[in-house]
C-alpha atoms as a PDB file:
ATOM      1  CA  MET A   1     202.464   9.618-172.825  1.00  0.00           C
ATOM      2  CA  THR A   2     199.631  12.150-173.253  1.00  0.00           C
ATOM      3  CA  ARG A   3     199.026  14.967-170.814  1.00  0.00           C
ATOM      4  CA  SER A   4     195.890  13.220-169.460  1.00  0.00           C
ATOM      5  CA  GLY A   5     197.926  10.048-168.975  1.00  0.00           C
ATOM      6  CA  ASN A   6     200.582  11.959-167.063  1.00  0.00           C
ATOM      7  CA  THR A   7     197.907  13.608-164.956  1.00  0.00           C
ATOM      8  CA  PHE A   8     196.358  10.277-164.011  1.00  0.00           C
ATOM      9  CA  ALA A   9     199.766   8.746-163.230  1.00  0.00           C
ATOM     10  CA  THR A  10     200.554  11.681-160.962  1.00  0.00           C
ATOM     11  CA  PHE A  11     197.181  11.360-159.228  1.00  0.00           C
ATOM     12  CA  ALA A  12     197.723   7.604-158.782  1.00  0.00           C
ATOM     13  CA  ARG A  13     201.146   8.127-157.246  1.00  0.00           C
ATOM     14  CA  ARG A  14     199.869  10.746-154.826  1.00  0.00           C
ATOM     15  CA  ASN A  15     196.667   8.914-153.899  1.00  0.00           C
ATOM     16  CA  SER A  16     197.560   5.252-154.303  1.00  0.00           C
ATOM     17  CA  MET A  17     196.102   4.183-150.955  1.00  0.00           C
ATOM     18  CA  LEU A  18     192.894   6.105-151.614  1.00  0.00           C
ATOM     19  CA  ILE A  19     192.489   4.179-154.893  1.00  0.00           C
ATOM     20  CA  ILE A  20     193.018   0.895-153.027  1.00  0.00           C
ATOM     21  CA  LEU A  21     190.449   1.958-150.409  1.00  0.00           C
ATOM     22  CA  ILE A  22     187.876   2.804-153.089  1.00  0.00           C
ATOM     23  CA  ALA A  23     188.495  -0.572-154.735  1.00  0.00           C
ATOM     24  CA  LEU A  24     187.985  -2.296-151.379  1.00  0.00           C
ATOM     25  CA  TYR A  25     184.744  -0.370-150.843  1.00  0.00           C
ATOM     26  CA  ILE A  26     183.427  -1.469-154.243  1.00  0.00           C
ATOM     27  CA  LEU A  27     184.397  -5.092-153.614  1.00  0.00           C
ATOM     28  CA  VAL A  28     182.755  -5.231-150.198  1.00  0.00           C
ATOM     29  CA  ALA A  29     179.663  -3.331-151.349  1.00  0.00           C
ATOM     30  CA  PHE A  30     178.938  -6.078-153.893  1.00  0.00           C
ATOM     31  CA  THR A  31     179.854  -9.035-151.694  1.00  0.00           C
ATOM     32  CA  ALA A  32     178.727  -8.156-148.137  1.00  0.00           C
ATOM     33  CA  ARG A  33     175.054  -7.635-147.372  1.00  0.00           C
ATOM     34  CA  GLY A  34     174.312  -4.441-145.451  1.00  0.00           C
ATOM     35  CA  PHE A  35     177.816  -3.009-145.791  1.00  0.00           C
ATOM     36  CA  MET A  36     176.709   0.247-147.429  1.00  0.00           C
ATOM     37  CA  SER A  37     173.904   0.942-144.950  1.00  0.00           C
ATOM     38  CA  ILE A  38     174.120   4.225-143.053  1.00  0.00           C
ATOM     39  CA  ASP A  39     174.187   2.422-139.707  1.00  0.00           C
ATOM     40  CA  ASN A  40     177.099   0.243-140.768  1.00  0.00           C
ATOM     41  CA  GLN A  41     179.096   3.164-142.147  1.00  0.00           C
ATOM     42  CA  LEU A  42     178.590   5.072-138.885  1.00  0.00           C
ATOM     43  CA  ASN A  43     179.612   1.952-136.993  1.00  0.00           C
ATOM     44  CA  ILE A  44     182.876   1.828-138.977  1.00  0.00           C
ATOM     45  CA  LEU A  45     183.586   5.478-138.141  1.00  0.00           C
ATOM     46  CA  ARG A  46     182.780   4.894-134.465  1.00  0.00           C
ATOM     47  CA  THR A  47     185.098   1.881-134.412  1.00  0.00           C
ATOM     48  CA  ILE A  48     188.031   3.784-135.913  1.00  0.00           C
ATOM     49  CA  ALA A  49     187.488   6.926-133.813  1.00  0.00           C
ATOM     50  CA  VAL A  50     190.004   6.098-131.073  1.00  0.00           C
ATOM     51  CA  PRO A  51     192.769   4.532-133.219  1.00  0.00           C
ATOM     52  CA  GLY A  52     192.152   7.317-135.741  1.00  0.00           C
ATOM     53  CA  MET A  53     192.719  10.107-133.222  1.00  0.00           C
ATOM     54  CA  ILE A  54     195.890   8.463-131.987  1.00  0.00           C
ATOM     55  CA  ALA A  55     197.024   7.866-135.582  1.00  0.00           C
ATOM     56  CA  PHE A  56     196.816  11.606-136.270  1.00  0.00           C
ATOM     57  CA  GLY A  57     199.145  12.317-133.368  1.00  0.00           C
ATOM     58  CA  MET A  58     201.391   9.416-134.364  1.00  0.00           C
ATOM     59  CA  THR A  59     201.593  10.844-137.887  1.00  0.00           C
ATOM     60  CA  LEU A  60     203.111  14.086-136.603  1.00  0.00           C
ATOM     61  CA  LEU A  61     205.434  12.094-134.357  1.00  0.00           C
ATOM     62  CA  ILE A  62     206.712   9.773-137.103  1.00  0.00           C
ATOM     63  CA  ILE A  63     207.092  12.644-139.570  1.00  0.00           C
ATOM     64  CA  VAL A  64     209.321  14.422-137.037  1.00  0.00           C
ATOM     65  CA  GLY A  65     211.422  11.249-136.876  1.00  0.00           C
ATOM     66  CA  GLU A  66     210.228   9.681-133.605  1.00  0.00           C
ATOM     67  CA  ILE A  67     207.755   6.971-132.528  1.00  0.00           C
ATOM     68  CA  ASP A  68     205.639   6.031-129.505  1.00  0.00           C
ATOM     69  CA  LEU A  69     205.013   2.352-128.762  1.00  0.00           C
ATOM     70  CA  SER A  70     203.207   3.052-125.485  1.00  0.00           C
ATOM     71  CA  VAL A  71     199.926   4.458-126.850  1.00  0.00           C
ATOM     72  CA  GLY A  72     197.949   1.231-126.247  1.00  0.00           C
ATOM     73  CA  SER A  73     199.114   1.062-122.642  1.00  0.00           C
ATOM     74  CA  MET A  74     198.422   4.782-122.283  1.00  0.00           C
ATOM     75  CA  VAL A  75     194.806   4.231-123.347  1.00  0.00           C
ATOM     76  CA  ALA A  76     194.373   1.522-120.689  1.00  0.00           C
ATOM     77  CA  ALA A  77     196.297   3.404-117.999  1.00  0.00           C
ATOM     78  CA  SER A  78     194.430   6.672-118.556  1.00  0.00           C
ATOM     79  CA  ALA A  79     191.052   4.895-118.370  1.00  0.00           C
ATOM     80  CA  CYS A  80     192.085   3.315-115.067  1.00  0.00           C
ATOM     81  CA  VAL A  81     193.617   6.520-113.681  1.00  0.00           C
ATOM     82  CA  LEU A  82     190.456   8.425-114.580  1.00  0.00           C
ATOM     83  CA  ALA A  83     188.176   5.873-112.899  1.00  0.00           C
ATOM     84  CA  TRP A  84     190.419   5.818-109.814  1.00  0.00           C
ATOM     85  CA  LEU A  85     190.485   9.630-109.604  1.00  0.00           C
ATOM     86  CA  VAL A  86     186.705   9.898-109.966  1.00  0.00           C
ATOM     87  CA  SER A  87     186.298   7.455-107.089  1.00  0.00           C
ATOM     88  CA  LEU A  88     188.905   9.302-105.009  1.00  0.00           C
ATOM     89  CA  ILE A  89     187.612  12.833-105.637  1.00  0.00           C
ATOM     90  CA  SER A  90     183.949  11.896-105.171  1.00  0.00           C
ATOM     91  CA  GLY A  91     184.664   9.902-102.019  1.00  0.00           C
ATOM     92  CA  GLY A  92     183.284   6.757-103.646  1.00  0.00           C
ATOM     93  CA  ALA A  93     179.893   8.368-104.346  1.00  0.00           C
ATOM     94  CA  PHE A  94     177.356   6.218-106.190  1.00  0.00           C
ATOM     95  CA  GLU A  95     176.601   9.096-108.591  1.00  0.00           C
ATOM     96  CA  PRO A  96     179.633  11.441-108.856  1.00  0.00           C
ATOM     97  CA  SER A  97     178.889  15.002-109.957  1.00  0.00           C
ATOM     98  CA  VAL A  98     179.905  16.510-113.279  1.00  0.00           C
ATOM     99  CA  TRP A  99     182.628  18.489-111.524  1.00  0.00           C
ATOM    100  CA  HIS A 100     184.116  15.361-110.022  1.00  0.00           C
ATOM    101  CA  VAL A 101     184.434  13.836-113.491  1.00  0.00           C
ATOM    102  CA  VAL A 102     185.737  17.068-115.048  1.00  0.00           C
ATOM    103  CA  ALA A 103     188.396  17.480-112.352  1.00  0.00           C
ATOM    104  CA  ALA A 104     189.465  13.853-112.757  1.00  0.00           C
ATOM    105  CA  GLY A 105     189.535  14.290-116.529  1.00  0.00           C
ATOM    106  CA  ILE A 106     191.788  17.351-116.330  1.00  0.00           C
ATOM    107  CA  LEU A 107     194.186  15.536-113.994  1.00  0.00           C
ATOM    108  CA  THR A 108     194.234  12.525-116.339  1.00  0.00           C
ATOM    109  CA  LEU A 109     195.047  14.745-119.312  1.00  0.00           C
ATOM    110  CA  ALA A 110     197.846  16.304-117.243  1.00  0.00           C
ATOM    111  CA  PHE A 111     199.077  12.790-116.461  1.00  0.00           C
ATOM    112  CA  GLY A 112     199.211  11.962-120.178  1.00  0.00           C
ATOM    113  CA  ALA A 113     200.972  15.231-121.017  1.00  0.00           C
ATOM    114  CA  SER A 114     203.568  14.578-118.312  1.00  0.00           C
ATOM    115  CA  ILE A 115     204.357  11.150-119.791  1.00  0.00           C
ATOM    116  CA  GLY A 116     204.857  12.683-123.233  1.00  0.00           C
ATOM    117  CA  THR A 117     207.030  15.422-121.729  1.00  0.00           C
ATOM    118  CA  PHE A 118     209.108  12.859-119.839  1.00  0.00           C
ATOM    119  CA  ASN A 119     209.719  10.841-123.008  1.00  0.00           C
ATOM    120  CA  GLY A 120     210.731  14.050-124.754  1.00  0.00           C
ATOM    121  CA  TRP A 121     213.116  14.899-121.925  1.00  0.00           C
ATOM    122  CA  LEU A 122     214.764  11.484-122.184  1.00  0.00           C
ATOM    123  CA  ARG A 123     215.133  11.971-125.942  1.00  0.00           C
ATOM    124  CA  ASN A 124     216.527  15.484-125.758  1.00  0.00           C
ATOM    125  CA  ARG A 125     218.639  15.309-122.595  1.00  0.00           C
ATOM    126  CA  PHE A 126     220.106  11.817-122.839  1.00  0.00           C
ATOM    127  CA  MET A 127     219.499  11.023-126.544  1.00  0.00           C
ATOM    128  CA  VAL A 128     217.470   7.933-125.607  1.00  0.00           C
ATOM    129  CA  PRO A 129     215.691   6.782-128.800  1.00  0.00           C
ATOM    130  CA  THR A 130     211.924   7.086-128.421  1.00  0.00           C
ATOM    131  CA  PHE A 131     211.636   3.495-129.639  1.00  0.00           C
ATOM    132  CA  ILE A 132     213.410   2.424-126.437  1.00  0.00           C
ATOM    133  CA  SER A 133     211.864   4.898-123.995  1.00  0.00           C
ATOM    134  CA  SER A 134     208.313   4.278-125.232  1.00  0.00           C
ATOM    135  CA  LEU A 135     208.884   0.514-125.139  1.00  0.00           C
ATOM    136  CA  ALA A 136     209.840   0.859-121.470  1.00  0.00           C
ATOM    137  CA  MET A 137     206.880   3.181-120.899  1.00  0.00           C
ATOM    138  CA  MET A 138     204.546   0.635-122.515  1.00  0.00           C
ATOM    139  CA  ALA A 139     205.433  -1.919-119.840  1.00  0.00           C
ATOM    140  CA  THR A 140     205.348   0.710-117.065  1.00  0.00           C
ATOM    141  CA  LEU A 141     201.893   2.020-117.968  1.00  0.00           C
ATOM    142  CA  ALA A 142     200.480  -1.499-118.366  1.00  0.00           C
ATOM    143  CA  GLY A 143     201.793  -2.313-114.904  1.00  0.00           C
ATOM    144  CA  LEU A 144     200.380   0.924-113.492  1.00  0.00           C
ATOM    145  CA  ALA A 145     196.929   0.140-114.909  1.00  0.00           C
ATOM    146  CA  ASN A 146     196.944  -3.260-113.196  1.00  0.00           C
ATOM    147  CA  LEU A 147     198.429  -1.851-109.999  1.00  0.00           C
ATOM    148  CA  ILE A 148     195.784   0.796-109.346  1.00  0.00           C
ATOM    149  CA  THR A 149     192.909  -1.516-110.317  1.00  0.00           C
ATOM    150  CA  ASP A 150     194.337  -4.680-108.756  1.00  0.00           C
ATOM    151  CA  GLY A 151     193.605  -6.314-112.110  1.00  0.00           C
ATOM    152  CA  THR A 152     189.837  -5.738-111.938  1.00  0.00           C
ATOM    153  CA  PRO A 153     187.756  -2.947-113.545  1.00  0.00           C
ATOM    154  CA  ILE A 154     186.946   0.151-111.449  1.00  0.00           C
ATOM    155  CA  GLU A 155     183.292   1.156-111.834  1.00  0.00           C
ATOM    156  CA  SER A 156     183.005   4.707-110.527  1.00  0.00           C
ATOM    157  CA  PHE A 157     181.333   6.708-113.289  1.00  0.00           C
ATOM    158  CA  PRO A 158     177.908   8.424-113.151  1.00  0.00           C
ATOM    159  CA  SER A 159     174.960   7.274-115.242  1.00  0.00           C
ATOM    160  CA  TRP A 160     175.334  10.036-117.861  1.00  0.00           C
ATOM    161  CA  TYR A 161     178.980   9.189-118.592  1.00  0.00           C
ATOM    162  CA  TYR A 162     178.014   6.574-121.201  1.00  0.00           C
ATOM    163  CA  PHE A 163     177.245   9.413-123.653  1.00  0.00           C
ATOM    164  CA  ILE A 164     180.923  10.107-124.422  1.00  0.00           C
ATOM    165  CA  GLY A 165     181.410   6.656-125.912  1.00  0.00           C
ATOM    166  CA  SER A 166     177.879   5.626-126.885  1.00  0.00           C
ATOM    167  CA  GLY A 167     175.810   8.808-127.238  1.00  0.00           C
ATOM    168  CA  ARG A 168     174.655  10.304-130.520  1.00  0.00           C
ATOM    169  CA  ILE A 169     174.120  13.833-131.824  1.00  0.00           C
ATOM    170  CA  PHE A 170     171.907  14.031-134.911  1.00  0.00           C
ATOM    171  CA  HIS A 171     172.141  10.212-135.075  1.00  0.00           C
ATOM    172  CA  ILE A 172     175.943  10.393-135.426  1.00  0.00           C
ATOM    173  CA  PRO A 173     177.983   8.693-132.648  1.00  0.00           C
ATOM    174  CA  PHE A 174     179.737  11.224-130.412  1.00  0.00           C
ATOM    175  CA  PRO A 175     183.202   9.625-130.908  1.00  0.00           C
ATOM    176  CA  VAL A 176     182.900  10.425-134.636  1.00  0.00           C
ATOM    177  CA  TYR A 177     182.756  14.142-133.743  1.00  0.00           C
ATOM    178  CA  LEU A 178     185.900  13.701-131.651  1.00  0.00           C
ATOM    179  CA  LEU A 179     187.579  12.015-134.641  1.00  0.00           C
ATOM    180  CA  LEU A 180     186.553  14.901-136.920  1.00  0.00           C
ATOM    181  CA  LEU A 181     187.798  17.490-134.413  1.00  0.00           C
ATOM    182  CA  ALA A 182     191.132  15.674-134.047  1.00  0.00           C
ATOM    183  CA  PHE A 183     191.478  15.525-137.835  1.00  0.00           C
ATOM    184  CA  ILE A 184     190.812  19.249-138.261  1.00  0.00           C
ATOM    185  CA  VAL A 185     193.193  20.266-135.464  1.00  0.00           C
ATOM    186  CA  THR A 186     196.093  18.088-136.629  1.00  0.00           C
ATOM    187  CA  HIS A 187     195.516  18.883-140.321  1.00  0.00           C
ATOM    188  CA  VAL A 188     195.678  22.605-139.580  1.00  0.00           C
ATOM    189  CA  LEU A 189     198.735  22.122-137.358  1.00  0.00           C
ATOM    190  CA  ALA A 190     200.565  20.110-140.014  1.00  0.00           C
ATOM    191  CA  ASN A 191     199.747  22.279-143.022  1.00  0.00           C
ATOM    192  CA  TYR A 192     199.064  25.847-141.922  1.00  0.00           C
ATOM    193  CA  THR A 193     201.335  26.602-138.966  1.00  0.00           C
ATOM    194  CA  SER A 194     205.023  27.208-138.333  1.00  0.00           C
ATOM    195  CA  PHE A 195     204.900  24.193-136.013  1.00  0.00           C
ATOM    196  CA  GLY A 196     203.858  21.952-138.900  1.00  0.00           C
ATOM    197  CA  ARG A 197     206.587  23.313-141.151  1.00  0.00           C
ATOM    198  CA  ALA A 198     209.099  22.640-138.378  1.00  0.00           C
ATOM    199  CA  VAL A 199     207.846  19.045-138.017  1.00  0.00           C
ATOM    200  CA  TYR A 200     208.504  18.296-141.693  1.00  0.00           C
ATOM    201  CA  ALA A 201     211.837  20.127-141.711  1.00  0.00           C
ATOM    202  CA  ILE A 202     213.127  18.296-138.624  1.00  0.00           C
ATOM    203  CA  GLY A 203     211.979  14.943-139.970  1.00  0.00           C
ATOM    204  CA  GLY A 204     213.750  15.633-143.260  1.00  0.00           C
ATOM    205  CA  ASN A 205     217.040  16.780-141.731  1.00  0.00           C
ATOM    206  CA  ALA A 206     217.202  17.538-138.014  1.00  0.00           C
ATOM    207  CA  GLU A 207     220.685  19.064-138.095  1.00  0.00           C
ATOM    208  CA  ALA A 208     219.833  21.393-140.978  1.00  0.00           C
ATOM    209  CA  ALA A 209     216.644  22.370-139.158  1.00  0.00           C
ATOM    210  CA  ARG A 210     218.638  23.154-136.007  1.00  0.00           C
ATOM    211  CA  LEU A 211     221.124  25.270-137.954  1.00  0.00           C
ATOM    212  CA  SER A 212     218.161  27.112-139.482  1.00  0.00           C
ATOM    213  CA  GLY A 213     217.072  28.183-136.005  1.00  0.00           C
ATOM    214  CA  LEU A 214     214.197  25.730-135.511  1.00  0.00           C
ATOM    215  CA  HIS A 215     213.505  24.444-131.982  1.00  0.00           C
ATOM    216  CA  VAL A 216     214.167  20.770-132.657  1.00  0.00           C
ATOM    217  CA  ASN A 217     213.887  19.495-129.069  1.00  0.00           C
ATOM    218  CA  ARG A 218     210.763  21.502-128.303  1.00  0.00           C
ATOM    219  CA  THR A 219     209.030  20.338-131.492  1.00  0.00           C
ATOM    220  CA  ARG A 220     209.825  16.692-130.795  1.00  0.00           C
ATOM    221  CA  THR A 221     208.497  17.002-127.255  1.00  0.00           C
ATOM    222  CA  TRP A 222     205.269  18.633-128.405  1.00  0.00           C
ATOM    223  CA  CYS A 223     204.684  15.816-130.899  1.00  0.00           C
ATOM    224  CA  LEU A 224     205.115  13.285-128.081  1.00  0.00           C
ATOM    225  CA  VAL A 225     202.735  15.246-125.849  1.00  0.00           C
ATOM    226  CA  ILE A 226     200.083  15.535-128.589  1.00  0.00           C
ATOM    227  CA  THR A 227     200.214  11.790-129.226  1.00  0.00           C
ATOM    228  CA  SER A 228     199.918  11.040-125.492  1.00  0.00           C
ATOM    229  CA  LEU A 229     196.952  13.406-125.134  1.00  0.00           C
ATOM    230  CA  PHE A 230     195.091  11.703-127.972  1.00  0.00           C
ATOM    231  CA  ALA A 231     195.740   8.369-126.258  1.00  0.00           C
ATOM    232  CA  VAL A 232     194.256   9.792-123.041  1.00  0.00           C
ATOM    233  CA  VAL A 233     191.157  10.915-124.943  1.00  0.00           C
ATOM    234  CA  GLY A 234     190.960   7.378-126.329  1.00  0.00           C
ATOM    235  CA  GLY A 235     191.089   6.043-122.767  1.00  0.00           C
ATOM    236  CA  ILE A 236     188.224   8.351-121.794  1.00  0.00           C
ATOM    237  CA  VAL A 237     186.117   7.115-124.726  1.00  0.00           C
ATOM    238  CA  TYR A 238     186.780   3.441-123.922  1.00  0.00           C
ATOM    239  CA  SER A 239     186.092   3.955-120.212  1.00  0.00           C
ATOM    240  CA  SER A 240     182.741   5.430-121.240  1.00  0.00           C
ATOM    241  CA  LEU A 241     181.963   2.512-123.563  1.00  0.00           C
ATOM    242  CA  LEU A 242     182.700   0.007-120.763  1.00  0.00           C
ATOM    243  CA  ASN A 243     181.510   2.289-117.932  1.00  0.00           C
ATOM    244  CA  SER A 244     184.706   1.387-116.070  1.00  0.00           C
ATOM    245  CA  GLY A 245     188.456   1.703-115.990  1.00  0.00           C
ATOM    246  CA  ASN A 246     189.648  -1.628-117.368  1.00  0.00           C
ATOM    247  CA  PRO A 247     193.377  -2.498-117.522  1.00  0.00           C
ATOM    248  CA  THR A 248     192.892  -5.008-120.357  1.00  0.00           C
ATOM    249  CA  ILE A 249     191.648  -2.607-123.058  1.00  0.00           C
ATOM    250  CA  ALA A 250     193.585  -1.451-126.151  1.00  0.00           C
ATOM    251  CA  LYS A 251     195.935  -4.430-126.256  1.00  0.00           C
ATOM    252  CA  GLY A 252     198.082  -4.127-129.380  1.00  0.00           C
ATOM    253  CA  MET A 253     196.590  -0.773-130.388  1.00  0.00           C
ATOM    254  CA  GLU A 254     200.065   0.666-130.970  1.00  0.00           C
ATOM    255  CA  LEU A 255     200.579  -1.813-133.829  1.00  0.00           C
ATOM    256  CA  GLU A 256     197.175  -0.996-135.311  1.00  0.00           C
ATOM    257  CA  VAL A 257     197.921   2.724-135.179  1.00  0.00           C
ATOM    258  CA  ILE A 258     201.415   2.437-136.652  1.00  0.00           C
ATOM    259  CA  SER A 259     200.132   0.094-139.391  1.00  0.00           C
ATOM    260  CA  ALA A 260     197.444   2.617-140.338  1.00  0.00           C
ATOM    261  CA  VAL A 261     199.964   5.452-140.441  1.00  0.00           C
ATOM    262  CA  ILE A 262     202.393   3.515-142.644  1.00  0.00           C
ATOM    263  CA  ILE A 263     199.586   2.314-144.917  1.00  0.00           C
ATOM    264  CA  GLY A 264     198.598   5.972-145.254  1.00  0.00           C
ATOM    265  CA  GLY A 265     201.972   6.800-146.766  1.00  0.00           C
ATOM    266  CA  VAL A 266     203.904   8.149-143.767  1.00  0.00           C
ATOM    267  CA  SER A 267     207.596   7.305-144.008  1.00  0.00           C
ATOM    268  CA  LEU A 268     209.145   5.621-140.966  1.00  0.00           C
ATOM    269  CA  PHE A 269     212.312   7.557-141.822  1.00  0.00           C
ATOM    270  CA  GLY A 270     210.528  10.848-141.167  1.00  0.00           C
ATOM    271  CA  GLY A 271     209.890  13.985-143.198  1.00  0.00           C
ATOM    272  CA  LYS A 272     207.053  12.595-145.317  1.00  0.00           C
ATOM    273  CA  GLY A 273     203.354  11.950-144.766  1.00  0.00           C
ATOM    274  CA  SER A 274     200.015  13.635-144.174  1.00  0.00           C
ATOM    275  CA  ILE A 275     197.085  13.617-141.784  1.00  0.00           C
ATOM    276  CA  TRP A 276     194.759  12.813-144.699  1.00  0.00           C
ATOM    277  CA  GLY A 277     196.897   9.793-145.539  1.00  0.00           C
ATOM    278  CA  ALA A 278     196.685   8.601-141.933  1.00  0.00           C
ATOM    279  CA  PHE A 279     192.890   8.891-142.077  1.00  0.00           C
ATOM    280  CA  VAL A 280     192.796   6.845-145.298  1.00  0.00           C
ATOM    281  CA  GLY A 281     195.013   4.232-143.652  1.00  0.00           C
ATOM    282  CA  VAL A 282     192.920   3.881-140.514  1.00  0.00           C
ATOM    283  CA  LEU A 283     189.696   3.832-142.560  1.00  0.00           C
ATOM    284  CA  PHE A 284     191.178   1.061-144.728  1.00  0.00           C
ATOM    285  CA  LEU A 285     191.787  -1.057-141.634  1.00  0.00           C
ATOM    286  CA  GLY A 286     188.308  -0.288-140.290  1.00  0.00           C
ATOM    287  CA  VAL A 287     186.613  -1.237-143.557  1.00  0.00           C
ATOM    288  CA  LEU A 288     188.725  -4.386-143.810  1.00  0.00           C
ATOM    289  CA  LEU A 289     187.787  -5.531-140.300  1.00  0.00           C
ATOM    290  CA  ASN A 290     184.110  -4.745-140.884  1.00  0.00           C
ATOM    291  CA  ALA A 291     184.133  -6.582-144.228  1.00  0.00           C
ATOM    292  CA  MET A 292     185.687  -9.722-142.773  1.00  0.00           C
ATOM    293  CA  THR A 293     183.057  -9.730-140.016  1.00  0.00           C
ATOM    294  CA  LEU A 294     180.255  -9.427-142.564  1.00  0.00           C
ATOM    295  CA  TRP A 295     181.840 -12.146-144.692  1.00  0.00           C
ATOM    296  CA  GLY A 296     181.781 -14.436-141.668  1.00  0.00           C
ATOM    297  CA  PHE A 297     185.512 -14.932-141.324  1.00  0.00           C
ATOM    298  CA  ASN A 298     186.746 -16.874-138.315  1.00  0.00           C
ATOM    299  CA  PRO A 299     188.056 -14.293-135.775  1.00  0.00           C
ATOM    300  CA  TYR A 300     191.467 -15.973-135.689  1.00  0.00           C
ATOM    301  CA  ALA A 301     191.619 -16.182-139.472  1.00  0.00           C
ATOM    302  CA  GLN A 302     190.786 -12.467-139.573  1.00  0.00           C
ATOM    303  CA  GLN A 303     194.110 -11.670-137.936  1.00  0.00           C
ATOM    304  CA  VAL A 304     196.024 -13.671-140.549  1.00  0.00           C
ATOM    305  CA  VAL A 305     194.105 -12.230-143.512  1.00  0.00           C
ATOM    306  CA  ARG A 306     194.363  -8.741-142.070  1.00  0.00           C
ATOM    307  CA  GLY A 307     198.129  -8.998-141.731  1.00  0.00           C
ATOM    308  CA  VAL A 308     198.587 -10.332-145.270  1.00  0.00           C
ATOM    309  CA  LEU A 309     196.331  -7.683-146.812  1.00  0.00           C
ATOM    310  CA  ILE A 310     198.034  -4.893-144.862  1.00  0.00           C
ATOM    311  CA  LEU A 311     201.407  -6.053-146.172  1.00  0.00           C
ATOM    312  CA  GLY A 312     199.983  -6.305-149.687  1.00  0.00           C
ATOM    313  CA  ALA A 313     198.463  -2.825-149.487  1.00  0.00           C
ATOM    314  CA  VAL A 314     201.777  -1.371-148.334  1.00  0.00           C
ATOM    315  CA  PHE A 315     203.650  -3.040-151.222  1.00  0.00           C
ATOM    316  CA  ILE A 316     201.093  -1.860-153.784  1.00  0.00           C
ATOM    317  CA  ASN A 317     201.315   1.618-152.288  1.00  0.00           C
ATOM    318  CA  LEU A 318     205.118   1.564-152.600  1.00  0.00           C
ATOM    319  CA  ILE A 319     205.049   0.278-156.182  1.00  0.00           C
ATOM    320  CA  ILE A 320     202.517   2.870-157.349  1.00  0.00           C
ATOM    321  CA  ASP A 321     204.234   5.632-155.410  1.00  0.00           C
ATOM    322  CA  ARG A 322     207.749   4.771-156.664  1.00  0.00           C
ATOM    323  CA  PRO A 323     209.126   7.710-158.624  1.00  0.00           C
ATOM    324  CA  LYS A 324     209.726   7.048-162.295  1.00  0.00           C
ATOM    325  CA  ALA A 325     213.332   6.374-163.146  1.00  0.00           C
ATOM    326  CA  SER A 326     214.938   9.057-165.194  1.00  0.00           C
ATOM    327  CA  HIS A 327     215.743   8.235-168.787  1.00  0.00           C
ATOM    328  CA  GLY A 328     218.819   9.051-170.768  1.00  0.00           C
END
């Protein structure tokens, strides 16, 4: 094979999902009216903002060899906790002040960080797999959201609060800026810090990393905390979009996030993946959902088609990314 052929094969292996995404873009651009409009592209980015932020945290967590199945429930619980705290701190005021909302927001972020820390403590102290602890936490947080709201939305936010979820700066939705900020922060953490190097080392071989002097338990806990904090931010965005704390939001988001991360090339066995890959994965799902809506797919059929195409994309990704067998 020529040098140019080898170069392309290497590029294809490293960017297989990006190639699939570009192909999907071309297909939809020619078959769905209005898909390539600026408004529609911004709408796609706004739609993927929350799952995208959580996917970045989940990427670090899966690379380090752990997982969090409670992120969807955390989004709902944090939205409800925030709304409840705003009502409590403001004394049920019709128009709570900025400081009431800020104080409630800080406490809600602390709540999310404490859940991540608790999951890390269970993992490190009692060796409880995060698959199990986060599964239990998923049910607990869903119950908490319904408990504090009594199953009905809490409407306690001031009139300006809508901006977080629906406002625009230079015609770009505010959640898109949050997505960009989350991408930059996690990309820098993963690629340019000792923390990021520790994440990959622990995911590759935790025992070797421990013998090398890396803080395995601390790194795992921080990854859990980061993922929980992104879920809290997602809850804040959704509470702004709905202008309430609603216990029914983000149902099944954990599956959407994990699917995007795996589609983006992150190995469930740990030690491999990238923040860029997670972004490509979540954008693929966003474009796919938008395309099916524009094509007029039945909403129930969308779920079936989406599942099949996700599985197909993962298999194509694996085939293209499979290392060439050695000869001789």
